[in-house]
Amino acid sequence: MAKKKLEVEMYSYGEYTQWDRNSKTLPKLLDITNIIKSDIGTEFGYVLIIKKAKGKRLSFRIDHPPFRGEDGKVAAPFTGEYFIRSNNYQFFLGDSIWEPLKDKLGTWKLFTYIDGELVAHKELKIISKHI
């Protein structure tokens, strides 16, 4: 029997409303753009629609400009992993800008993998609203 080929569509990307990470509701798109005019609290990223992938492992990585964490060391890329719970799955990958703004400016590279295979990638440039 032939395997069902999974389908991944980048539904939207850019700036979004603030996201409640504990809610099943994804943030709402404010602006489709590769350049995010940011302030503290600006939410950005992308939404994927994933079909025919129930039970597969989704992992992600966010490469960000070099900034120092609470320990004073340059923060490592953000990574995580989920298991896809349904055959019609929506996934938001992104972040929200926090203090200090200056060290969060620059290019953020977002990657999503399913069972180790790259299925989505986007580069978003964060600039200050105040320039």
Protein backbone atom coordinates (compact mmCIF):
# COMPACT_ATOMS: atom_id res chain seq x y z
CA MET A 1 0.00 0.00 0.00
CA ALA A 2 1.38 3.42 -0.96
CA LYS A 3 2.33 5.81 1.82
CA LYS A 4 0.34 9.03 1.99
CA LYS A 5 2.63 11.92 1.11
CA LEU A 6 2.45 14.65 3.69
CA GLU A 7 1.51 18.14 2.56
CA VAL A 8 2.95 21.33 4.04
CA GLU A 9 1.79 24.80 3.06
CA MET A 10 3.20 28.05 4.46
CA TYR A 11 -0.17 29.70 4.99
CA SER A 12 1.14 33.06 6.23
CA TYR A 13 4.22 34.82 7.59
CA GLY A 14 5.12 38.19 9.03
CA GLU A 15 3.72 40.12 12.01
CA TYR A 16 0.94 38.67 14.17
CA THR A 17 -1.22 39.58 17.14
CA GLN A 18 0.13 38.57 20.54
CA TRP A 19 -0.03 34.78 20.91
CA ASP A 20 -1.21 32.94 24.01
CA ARG A 21 1.04 29.87 23.95
CA ASN A 22 -1.40 28.00 26.22
CA SER A 23 -4.30 28.44 23.79
CA LYS A 24 -5.13 26.26 20.80
CA THR A 25 -6.01 29.42 18.88
CA LEU A 26 -3.20 30.68 16.67
CA PRO A 27 -2.35 34.39 16.49
CA LYS A 28 -3.98 36.49 13.79
CA LEU A 29 -1.93 37.86 10.91
CA LEU A 30 -1.43 41.64 10.96
CA ASP A 31 0.95 42.04 8.00
CA ILE A 32 2.52 39.68 5.46
CA THR A 33 6.11 40.88 5.31
CA ASN A 34 9.73 39.76 5.51
CA ILE A 35 10.68 42.97 7.34
CA ILE A 36 9.13 43.37 10.78
CA LYS A 37 9.06 46.90 12.22
CA SER A 38 9.38 45.91 15.83
CA ASP A 39 8.82 47.23 19.30
CA ILE A 40 8.77 45.35 22.61
CA GLY A 41 6.02 42.72 22.37
CA THR A 42 5.91 42.46 18.55
CA GLU A 43 4.99 38.89 17.54
CA PHE A 44 6.39 37.46 14.30
CA GLY A 45 6.79 34.12 12.55
CA TYR A 46 4.85 31.86 10.22
CA VAL A 47 1.86 29.53 10.16
CA LEU A 48 2.05 26.14 8.46
CA ILE A 49 -0.88 23.96 7.43
CA ILE A 50 0.25 20.35 7.60
CA LYS A 51 -1.82 17.48 6.20
CA LYS A 52 -1.38 13.70 6.25
CA ALA A 53 1.25 13.76 9.00
CA LYS A 54 -0.58 12.54 12.13
CA GLY A 55 1.83 10.88 14.57
CA LYS A 56 4.96 12.30 12.92
CA ARG A 57 7.59 14.26 14.85
CA LEU A 58 7.76 17.98 14.12
CA SER A 59 10.87 19.82 15.27
CA PHE A 60 11.94 23.41 14.84
CA ARG A 61 14.93 25.71 15.18
CA ILE A 62 15.06 29.49 15.35
CA ASP A 63 18.45 31.07 14.64
CA HIS A 64 18.44 34.59 16.05
CA PRO A 65 20.85 37.53 16.24
CA PRO A 66 23.48 37.05 18.96
CA PHE A 67 22.15 38.25 22.31
CA ARG A 68 23.12 37.31 25.83
CA GLY A 69 20.88 35.22 28.05
CA GLU A 70 20.39 35.63 31.79
CA ASP A 71 23.63 33.69 32.36
CA GLY A 72 25.59 36.31 30.36
CA LYS A 73 26.42 33.85 27.57
CA VAL A 74 25.33 34.20 23.94
CA ALA A 75 21.98 32.41 23.70
CA ALA A 76 21.82 29.21 21.65
CA PRO A 77 19.27 28.81 18.86
CA PHE A 78 15.76 28.05 20.11
CA THR A 79 14.69 24.46 19.42
CA GLY A 80 11.70 22.30 20.21
CA GLU A 81 9.75 19.24 19.26
CA TYR A 82 6.07 18.25 19.01
CA PHE A 83 4.11 15.29 17.78
CA ILE A 84 1.49 16.11 15.19
CA ARG A 85 -1.90 15.28 16.68
CA SER A 86 -4.15 15.32 13.64
CA ASN A 87 -4.17 14.90 9.86
CA ASN A 88 -5.07 18.58 9.42
CA TYR A 89 -2.66 20.39 11.74
CA GLN A 90 -1.85 24.08 12.02
CA PHE A 91 1.49 25.13 13.48
CA PHE A 92 2.78 28.59 14.42
CA LEU A 93 6.54 29.10 14.68
CA GLY A 94 7.71 32.46 15.87
CA ASP A 95 8.67 34.65 18.75
CA SER A 96 7.89 37.92 20.47
CA ILE A 97 10.43 40.70 21.03
CA TRP A 98 11.46 41.42 24.63
CA GLU A 99 13.78 43.88 26.41
CA PRO A 100 16.29 45.04 25.36
CA LEU A 101 15.08 45.61 21.79
CA LYS A 102 18.49 46.55 20.39
CA ASP A 103 20.06 43.09 20.64
CA LYS A 104 17.03 41.37 19.01
CA LEU A 105 17.32 43.38 15.79
CA GLY A 106 18.60 41.59 12.69
CA THR A 107 17.80 38.43 10.76
CA TRP A 108 15.87 35.60 12.41
CA LYS A 109 15.91 32.28 10.52
CA LEU A 110 13.04 29.88 11.21
CA PHE A 111 13.21 26.18 10.26
CA THR A 112 10.60 23.42 10.60
CA TYR A 113 11.33 19.71 10.12
CA ILE A 114 9.05 16.68 10.03
CA ASP A 115 10.77 13.41 10.92
CA GLY A 116 14.11 15.15 10.28
CA GLU A 117 13.24 16.48 6.81
CA LEU A 118 13.21 20.26 6.28
CA VAL A 119 9.67 21.24 5.26
CA ALA A 120 9.69 25.03 5.81
CA HIS A 121 12.20 27.85 6.16
CA LYS A 122 11.79 31.61 6.37
CA GLU A 123 14.10 34.54 7.10
CA LEU A 124 12.55 37.56 8.78
CA LYS A 125 14.44 40.78 9.36
CA ILE A 126 13.59 42.61 12.57
CA ILE A 127 14.12 46.37 12.53
CA SER A 128 13.17 49.04 15.07
CA LYS A 129 9.93 50.98 14.64
CA HIS A 130 11.75 53.95 16.09
CA ILE A 131 14.35 54.44 13.33
